[in-house]
Amino acid sequence: MTMHKLILTLDDAKKIAAGAEAEAKRNEWPVVIAIVDDGGHLLYLQRLDETQYGSVQVAIEKARAAIAFRRPTKIWENNITEGRQHYLGLPGALPVEGGLPVVIDQQFVGAIGVSGVRSFQDAQIAQAGIDAWLSGG
């Protein structure tokens, strides 16, 4: 049986970012969009006009956390809110919504992280990017 590893290409990352950017602009939300590969390495970064520079590193870390643990960063935010403080000590975990893994054929190939507005809005933008890419947009 031959295993075929799927990868997130730069072209894929640009398409995801374009979908995320469209959602952010539709809502007039200044954000940073970061796309990482399956090893957490930055593939693409986009900072929309008027976005605070502090969101650059936050977006990258959200994406890295989402791929490192293969789950949305909202999971840790929920755990912290429910009083499970030990999640704060988990190396590489960022307990702030807005990081989502990117999955192709049940393979984790990368992640998107968005930062700049309220965390649930960051997640909305990230999901819009993935959805646009999956639909061929």
N, C-alpha and C. Protein backbone atom coordinates (compact mmCIF):
# COMPACT_ATOMS: atom_id res chain seq x y z
N MET A 1 0.84 -1.17 0.00
CA MET A 1 0.00 0.00 0.00
C MET A 1 0.89 1.25 0.00
N THR A 2 0.71 2.10 -0.96
CA THR A 2 1.47 3.32 -1.08
C THR A 2 0.72 4.46 -0.42
N MET A 3 1.41 5.15 0.48
CA MET A 3 0.83 6.33 1.13
C MET A 3 1.16 7.54 0.29
N HIS A 4 0.20 8.39 0.11
CA HIS A 4 0.41 9.63 -0.62
C HIS A 4 0.16 10.78 0.34
N LYS A 5 1.22 11.53 0.62
CA LYS A 5 1.08 12.67 1.52
C LYS A 5 0.60 13.88 0.74
N LEU A 6 -0.49 14.43 1.18
CA LEU A 6 -1.02 15.64 0.58
C LEU A 6 -0.36 16.85 1.24
N ILE A 7 -0.18 17.90 0.47
CA ILE A 7 0.43 19.10 1.03
C ILE A 7 -0.43 20.32 0.70
N LEU A 8 -0.27 21.33 1.51
CA LEU A 8 -0.91 22.61 1.27
C LEU A 8 0.10 23.44 0.48
N THR A 9 -0.23 23.78 -0.73
CA THR A 9 0.68 24.54 -1.59
C THR A 9 0.55 26.03 -1.32
N LEU A 10 1.49 26.78 -1.84
CA LEU A 10 1.41 28.24 -1.74
C LEU A 10 0.16 28.75 -2.45
N ASP A 11 -0.17 28.13 -3.59
CA ASP A 11 -1.39 28.52 -4.30
C ASP A 11 -2.63 28.26 -3.45
N ASP A 12 -2.67 27.12 -2.75
CA ASP A 12 -3.78 26.82 -1.84
C ASP A 12 -3.86 27.88 -0.75
N ALA A 13 -2.71 28.21 -0.17
CA ALA A 13 -2.67 29.19 0.91
C ALA A 13 -3.21 30.54 0.44
N LYS A 14 -2.83 30.94 -0.77
CA LYS A 14 -3.31 32.21 -1.32
C LYS A 14 -4.82 32.20 -1.53
N LYS A 15 -5.37 31.06 -1.94
CA LYS A 15 -6.81 30.95 -2.15
C LYS A 15 -7.56 31.01 -0.81
N ILE A 16 -7.02 30.35 0.19
CA ILE A 16 -7.63 30.40 1.53
C ILE A 16 -7.60 31.84 2.04
N ALA A 17 -6.45 32.48 1.89
CA ALA A 17 -6.31 33.87 2.35
C ALA A 17 -7.25 34.80 1.61
N ALA A 18 -7.43 34.57 0.31
CA ALA A 18 -8.33 35.41 -0.47
C ALA A 18 -9.77 35.29 0.02
N GLY A 19 -10.19 34.06 0.33
CA GLY A 19 -11.54 33.86 0.87
C GLY A 19 -11.70 34.51 2.23
N ALA A 20 -10.66 34.42 3.06
CA ALA A 20 -10.70 35.05 4.38
C ALA A 20 -10.71 36.57 4.24
N GLU A 21 -9.88 37.08 3.33
CA GLU A 21 -9.84 38.53 3.12
C GLU A 21 -11.19 39.05 2.66
N ALA A 22 -11.84 38.32 1.76
CA ALA A 22 -13.15 38.75 1.27
C ALA A 22 -14.15 38.87 2.43
N GLU A 23 -14.13 37.90 3.33
CA GLU A 23 -15.04 37.94 4.49
C GLU A 23 -14.70 39.11 5.40
N ALA A 24 -13.42 39.33 5.63
CA ALA A 24 -13.01 40.44 6.49
C ALA A 24 -13.41 41.78 5.88
N LYS A 25 -13.19 41.94 4.61
CA LYS A 25 -13.53 43.21 3.95
C LYS A 25 -15.04 43.43 3.88
N ARG A 26 -15.79 42.33 3.69
CA ARG A 26 -17.25 42.43 3.66
C ARG A 26 -17.77 43.02 4.97
N ASN A 27 -17.09 42.68 6.05
CA ASN A 27 -17.50 43.15 7.38
C ASN A 27 -16.69 44.35 7.88
N GLU A 28 -15.77 44.84 7.05
CA GLU A 28 -14.89 45.96 7.41
C GLU A 28 -14.11 45.67 8.69
N TRP A 29 -13.53 44.46 8.74
CA TRP A 29 -12.74 44.04 9.89
C TRP A 29 -11.27 44.02 9.52
N PRO A 30 -10.43 44.82 10.18
CA PRO A 30 -9.00 44.80 9.92
C PRO A 30 -8.35 43.61 10.65
N VAL A 31 -7.76 42.71 9.90
CA VAL A 31 -7.19 41.50 10.50
C VAL A 31 -5.88 41.10 9.82
N VAL A 32 -5.19 40.21 10.50
CA VAL A 32 -4.04 39.52 9.94
C VAL A 32 -4.46 38.09 9.67
N ILE A 33 -4.07 37.56 8.52
CA ILE A 33 -4.39 36.19 8.12
C ILE A 33 -3.07 35.45 7.95
N ALA A 34 -2.90 34.37 8.68
CA ALA A 34 -1.68 33.57 8.60
C ALA A 34 -2.04 32.14 8.20
N ILE A 35 -1.29 31.60 7.24
CA ILE A 35 -1.48 30.22 6.80
C ILE A 35 -0.16 29.49 7.03
N VAL A 36 -0.24 28.33 7.71
CA VAL A 36 0.95 27.51 7.95
C VAL A 36 0.78 26.13 7.32
N ASP A 37 1.91 25.45 7.10
CA ASP A 37 1.87 24.09 6.57
C ASP A 37 1.69 23.09 7.72
N ASP A 38 1.80 21.81 7.43
CA ASP A 38 1.55 20.79 8.45
C ASP A 38 2.63 20.73 9.53
N GLY A 39 3.73 21.43 9.33
CA GLY A 39 4.77 21.52 10.35
C GLY A 39 4.74 22.83 11.12
N GLY A 40 3.73 23.64 10.84
CA GLY A 40 3.59 24.92 11.52
C GLY A 40 4.45 26.02 10.95
N HIS A 41 5.03 25.79 9.76
CA HIS A 41 5.87 26.80 9.11
C HIS A 41 5.00 27.76 8.30
N LEU A 42 5.29 29.02 8.43
CA LEU A 42 4.50 30.05 7.76
C LEU A 42 4.62 29.93 6.24
N LEU A 43 3.47 29.80 5.58
CA LEU A 43 3.41 29.77 4.12
C LEU A 43 3.01 31.12 3.56
N TYR A 44 2.09 31.79 4.26
CA TYR A 44 1.51 33.02 3.73
C TYR A 44 1.02 33.88 4.88
N LEU A 45 1.29 35.17 4.78
CA LEU A 45 0.83 36.12 5.80
C LEU A 45 0.29 37.35 5.10
N GLN A 46 -0.84 37.81 5.57
CA GLN A 46 -1.45 39.00 4.99
C GLN A 46 -1.98 39.87 6.13
N ARG A 47 -1.56 41.13 6.12
CA ARG A 47 -2.04 42.09 7.12
C ARG A 47 -2.84 43.15 6.39
N LEU A 48 -4.13 43.17 6.63
CA LEU A 48 -4.98 44.16 5.98
C LEU A 48 -4.68 45.55 6.53
N ASP A 49 -4.99 46.56 5.74
CA ASP A 49 -4.76 47.94 6.15
C ASP A 49 -5.45 48.22 7.49
N GLU A 50 -4.79 49.03 8.28
CA GLU A 50 -5.32 49.48 9.58
C GLU A 50 -5.35 48.40 10.65
N THR A 51 -4.70 47.27 10.42
CA THR A 51 -4.66 46.22 11.44
C THR A 51 -3.48 46.47 12.37
N GLN A 52 -3.73 46.37 13.67
CA GLN A 52 -2.65 46.57 14.64
C GLN A 52 -1.58 45.51 14.45
N TYR A 53 -0.32 45.91 14.59
CA TYR A 53 0.78 44.97 14.33
C TYR A 53 0.85 43.86 15.36
N GLY A 54 0.27 44.04 16.52
CA GLY A 54 0.26 42.98 17.53
C GLY A 54 -0.47 41.73 17.07
N SER A 55 -1.36 41.89 16.10
CA SER A 55 -2.11 40.74 15.59
C SER A 55 -1.30 39.84 14.68
N VAL A 56 -0.15 40.31 14.21
CA VAL A 56 0.68 39.48 13.31
C VAL A 56 1.10 38.20 14.03
N GLN A 57 1.76 38.33 15.16
CA GLN A 57 2.24 37.15 15.88
C GLN A 57 1.09 36.31 16.42
N VAL A 58 0.01 36.95 16.84
CA VAL A 58 -1.15 36.21 17.36
C VAL A 58 -1.74 35.32 16.26
N ALA A 59 -1.90 35.84 15.06
CA ALA A 59 -2.45 35.05 13.95
C ALA A 59 -1.56 33.86 13.64
N ILE A 60 -0.25 34.08 13.62
CA ILE A 60 0.69 32.99 13.35
C ILE A 60 0.57 31.92 14.43
N GLU A 61 0.53 32.34 15.68
CA GLU A 61 0.46 31.37 16.79
C GLU A 61 -0.88 30.63 16.82
N LYS A 62 -1.95 31.29 16.44
CA LYS A 62 -3.24 30.59 16.35
C LYS A 62 -3.16 29.48 15.30
N ALA A 63 -2.57 29.80 14.14
CA ALA A 63 -2.44 28.79 13.09
C ALA A 63 -1.55 27.64 13.55
N ARG A 64 -0.43 27.96 14.17
CA ARG A 64 0.49 26.92 14.64
C ARG A 64 -0.16 26.02 15.69
N ALA A 65 -0.91 26.62 16.59
CA ALA A 65 -1.59 25.82 17.62
C ALA A 65 -2.64 24.90 17.00
N ALA A 66 -3.36 25.41 15.99
CA ALA A 66 -4.41 24.61 15.35
C ALA A 66 -3.83 23.39 14.64
N ILE A 67 -2.66 23.53 14.00
CA ILE A 67 -2.08 22.37 13.33
C ILE A 67 -1.31 21.48 14.31
N ALA A 68 -0.66 22.07 15.29
CA ALA A 68 0.10 21.27 16.25
C ALA A 68 -0.79 20.27 16.99
N PHE A 69 -2.00 20.70 17.31
CA PHE A 69 -2.90 19.85 18.07
C PHE A 69 -4.08 19.34 17.24
N ARG A 70 -4.08 19.72 15.96
CA ARG A 70 -5.09 19.23 15.01
C ARG A 70 -6.52 19.48 15.49
N ARG A 71 -6.75 20.70 15.95
CA ARG A 71 -8.10 21.09 16.37
C ARG A 71 -8.20 22.61 16.41
N PRO A 72 -9.42 23.11 16.35
CA PRO A 72 -9.62 24.56 16.44
C PRO A 72 -9.15 25.09 17.80
N THR A 73 -8.59 26.27 17.80
CA THR A 73 -8.12 26.87 19.05
C THR A 73 -9.26 27.20 20.00
N LYS A 74 -10.46 27.26 19.49
CA LYS A 74 -11.64 27.52 20.34
C LYS A 74 -11.77 26.46 21.43
N ILE A 75 -11.32 25.26 21.17
CA ILE A 75 -11.41 24.18 22.16
C ILE A 75 -10.68 24.56 23.45
N TRP A 76 -9.49 25.15 23.32
CA TRP A 76 -8.76 25.55 24.53
C TRP A 76 -9.43 26.74 25.20
N GLU A 77 -9.95 27.66 24.40
CA GLU A 77 -10.66 28.80 24.98
C GLU A 77 -11.83 28.30 25.82
N ASN A 78 -12.58 27.35 25.28
CA ASN A 78 -13.71 26.77 26.02
C ASN A 78 -13.24 26.09 27.30
N ASN A 79 -12.14 25.34 27.22
CA ASN A 79 -11.63 24.65 28.41
C ASN A 79 -11.21 25.63 29.50
N ILE A 80 -10.56 26.71 29.11
CA ILE A 80 -10.14 27.72 30.09
C ILE A 80 -11.37 28.38 30.71
N THR A 81 -12.35 28.70 29.88
CA THR A 81 -13.58 29.32 30.37
C THR A 81 -14.29 28.41 31.37
N GLU A 82 -14.19 27.11 31.14
CA GLU A 82 -14.83 26.13 32.04
C GLU A 82 -13.97 25.82 33.26
N GLY A 83 -12.86 26.54 33.43
CA GLY A 83 -12.06 26.39 34.64
C GLY A 83 -10.91 25.40 34.55
N ARG A 84 -10.64 24.86 33.40
CA ARG A 84 -9.54 23.90 33.24
C ARG A 84 -8.24 24.67 32.96
N GLN A 85 -7.72 25.28 34.00
CA GLN A 85 -6.57 26.17 33.88
C GLN A 85 -5.28 25.46 33.43
N HIS A 86 -5.20 24.16 33.61
CA HIS A 86 -3.97 23.45 33.22
C HIS A 86 -3.69 23.57 31.72
N TYR A 87 -4.71 23.89 30.92
CA TYR A 87 -4.49 24.07 29.48
C TYR A 87 -3.62 25.29 29.19
N LEU A 88 -3.53 26.22 30.14
CA LEU A 88 -2.67 27.38 29.96
C LEU A 88 -1.19 26.99 29.90
N GLY A 89 -0.84 25.85 30.48
CA GLY A 89 0.54 25.38 30.48
C GLY A 89 0.90 24.46 29.33
N LEU A 90 -0.03 24.21 28.44
CA LEU A 90 0.23 23.31 27.31
C LEU A 90 1.11 24.02 26.29
N PRO A 91 2.34 23.55 26.07
CA PRO A 91 3.24 24.23 25.14
C PRO A 91 2.64 24.35 23.74
N GLY A 92 2.63 25.57 23.22
CA GLY A 92 2.15 25.79 21.86
C GLY A 92 0.65 25.97 21.71
N ALA A 93 -0.09 25.77 22.80
CA ALA A 93 -1.54 25.95 22.72
C ALA A 93 -1.86 27.42 22.97
N LEU A 94 -2.73 27.97 22.14
CA LEU A 94 -3.16 29.35 22.33
C LEU A 94 -4.66 29.33 22.54
N PRO A 95 -5.11 29.60 23.77
CA PRO A 95 -6.53 29.47 24.08
C PRO A 95 -7.38 30.66 23.64
N VAL A 96 -7.29 30.98 22.34
CA VAL A 96 -8.07 32.07 21.79
C VAL A 96 -8.62 31.61 20.44
N GLU A 97 -9.93 31.71 20.28
CA GLU A 97 -10.58 31.28 19.04
C GLU A 97 -10.02 32.05 17.84
N GLY A 98 -9.97 31.38 16.70
CA GLY A 98 -9.49 32.02 15.47
C GLY A 98 -8.46 31.21 14.71
N GLY A 99 -8.09 30.05 15.24
CA GLY A 99 -7.17 29.14 14.55
C GLY A 99 -7.91 27.87 14.17
N LEU A 100 -7.82 27.49 12.89
CA LEU A 100 -8.50 26.28 12.40
C LEU A 100 -7.54 25.43 11.58
N PRO A 101 -7.56 24.11 11.79
CA PRO A 101 -6.76 23.24 10.93
C PRO A 101 -7.37 23.14 9.54
N VAL A 102 -6.53 22.87 8.56
CA VAL A 102 -6.97 22.65 7.18
C VAL A 102 -6.79 21.17 6.89
N VAL A 103 -7.87 20.52 6.47
CA VAL A 103 -7.87 19.07 6.26
C VAL A 103 -8.26 18.75 4.83
N ILE A 104 -7.48 17.87 4.20
CA ILE A 104 -7.79 17.35 2.86
C ILE A 104 -7.84 15.83 2.97
N ASP A 105 -8.93 15.24 2.55
CA ASP A 105 -9.07 13.77 2.58
C ASP A 105 -8.61 13.18 3.90
N GLN A 106 -9.04 13.75 4.98
CA GLN A 106 -8.75 13.31 6.34
C GLN A 106 -7.28 13.45 6.72
N GLN A 107 -6.52 14.22 5.95
CA GLN A 107 -5.13 14.50 6.28
C GLN A 107 -5.01 15.97 6.70
N PHE A 108 -4.33 16.21 7.81
CA PHE A 108 -4.10 17.57 8.28
C PHE A 108 -2.92 18.13 7.49
N VAL A 109 -3.19 19.15 6.69
CA VAL A 109 -2.17 19.68 5.78
C VAL A 109 -1.68 21.07 6.17
N GLY A 110 -2.34 21.71 7.10
CA GLY A 110 -1.95 23.05 7.51
C GLY A 110 -3.01 23.67 8.39
N ALA A 111 -2.94 24.98 8.52
CA ALA A 111 -3.91 25.68 9.36
C ALA A 111 -3.94 27.15 8.98
N ILE A 112 -5.02 27.79 9.37
CA ILE A 112 -5.18 29.23 9.22
C ILE A 112 -5.39 29.84 10.61
N GLY A 113 -4.78 30.98 10.81
CA GLY A 113 -4.99 31.76 12.02
C GLY A 113 -5.35 33.17 11.64
N VAL A 114 -6.34 33.73 12.32
CA VAL A 114 -6.77 35.10 12.05
C VAL A 114 -6.80 35.85 13.38
N SER A 115 -6.35 37.11 13.34
CA SER A 115 -6.38 37.94 14.53
C SER A 115 -6.61 39.40 14.13
N GLY A 116 -7.37 40.09 14.95
CA GLY A 116 -7.59 41.51 14.71
C GLY A 116 -8.90 42.03 15.23
N VAL A 117 -9.90 41.16 15.30
CA VAL A 117 -11.20 41.56 15.83
C VAL A 117 -11.55 40.62 16.96
N ARG A 118 -12.80 40.54 17.35
CA ARG A 118 -13.19 39.63 18.42
C ARG A 118 -12.92 38.19 17.98
N SER A 119 -12.58 37.34 18.91
CA SER A 119 -12.12 35.99 18.54
C SER A 119 -13.14 35.21 17.74
N PHE A 120 -14.43 35.34 18.03
CA PHE A 120 -15.43 34.60 17.24
C PHE A 120 -15.50 35.14 15.81
N GLN A 121 -15.19 36.43 15.64
CA GLN A 121 -15.15 37.02 14.30
C GLN A 121 -13.90 36.55 13.55
N ASP A 122 -12.79 36.43 14.27
CA ASP A 122 -11.57 35.87 13.67
C ASP A 122 -11.86 34.47 13.13
N ALA A 123 -12.56 33.66 13.93
CA ALA A 123 -12.91 32.30 13.52
C ALA A 123 -13.84 32.30 12.31
N GLN A 124 -14.76 33.22 12.28
CA GLN A 124 -15.68 33.35 11.13
C GLN A 124 -14.89 33.62 9.85
N ILE A 125 -13.91 34.50 9.94
CA ILE A 125 -13.07 34.83 8.79
C ILE A 125 -12.25 33.61 8.37
N ALA A 126 -11.66 32.92 9.34
CA ALA A 126 -10.86 31.74 9.03
C ALA A 126 -11.70 30.67 8.34
N GLN A 127 -12.89 30.43 8.85
CA GLN A 127 -13.78 29.42 8.26
C GLN A 127 -14.18 29.83 6.84
N ALA A 128 -14.43 31.11 6.63
CA ALA A 128 -14.78 31.59 5.29
C ALA A 128 -13.65 31.33 4.31
N GLY A 129 -12.41 31.48 4.76
CA GLY A 129 -11.27 31.19 3.90
C GLY A 129 -11.20 29.73 3.51
N ILE A 130 -11.38 28.86 4.48
CA ILE A 130 -11.37 27.42 4.19
C ILE A 130 -12.53 27.05 3.28
N ASP A 131 -13.71 27.57 3.58
CA ASP A 131 -14.89 27.27 2.77
C ASP A 131 -14.72 27.72 1.31
N ALA A 132 -14.17 28.92 1.12
CA ALA A 132 -13.96 29.44 -0.24
C ALA A 132 -13.00 28.54 -1.01
N TRP A 133 -11.94 28.12 -0.34
CA TRP A 133 -10.95 27.24 -0.97
C TRP A 133 -11.56 25.88 -1.31
N LEU A 134 -12.30 25.30 -0.39
CA LEU A 134 -12.91 23.98 -0.63
C LEU A 134 -13.93 24.03 -1.75
N SER A 135 -14.59 25.17 -1.92
CA SER A 135 -15.59 25.29 -2.97
C SER A 135 -14.98 25.69 -4.31
N GLY A 136 -13.65 25.80 -4.33
CA GLY A 136 -12.98 26.13 -5.58
C GLY A 136 -12.84 27.61 -5.83
N GLY A 137 -13.21 28.42 -4.81
CA GLY A 137 -13.17 29.86 -4.95
C GLY A 137 -11.80 30.37 -4.92
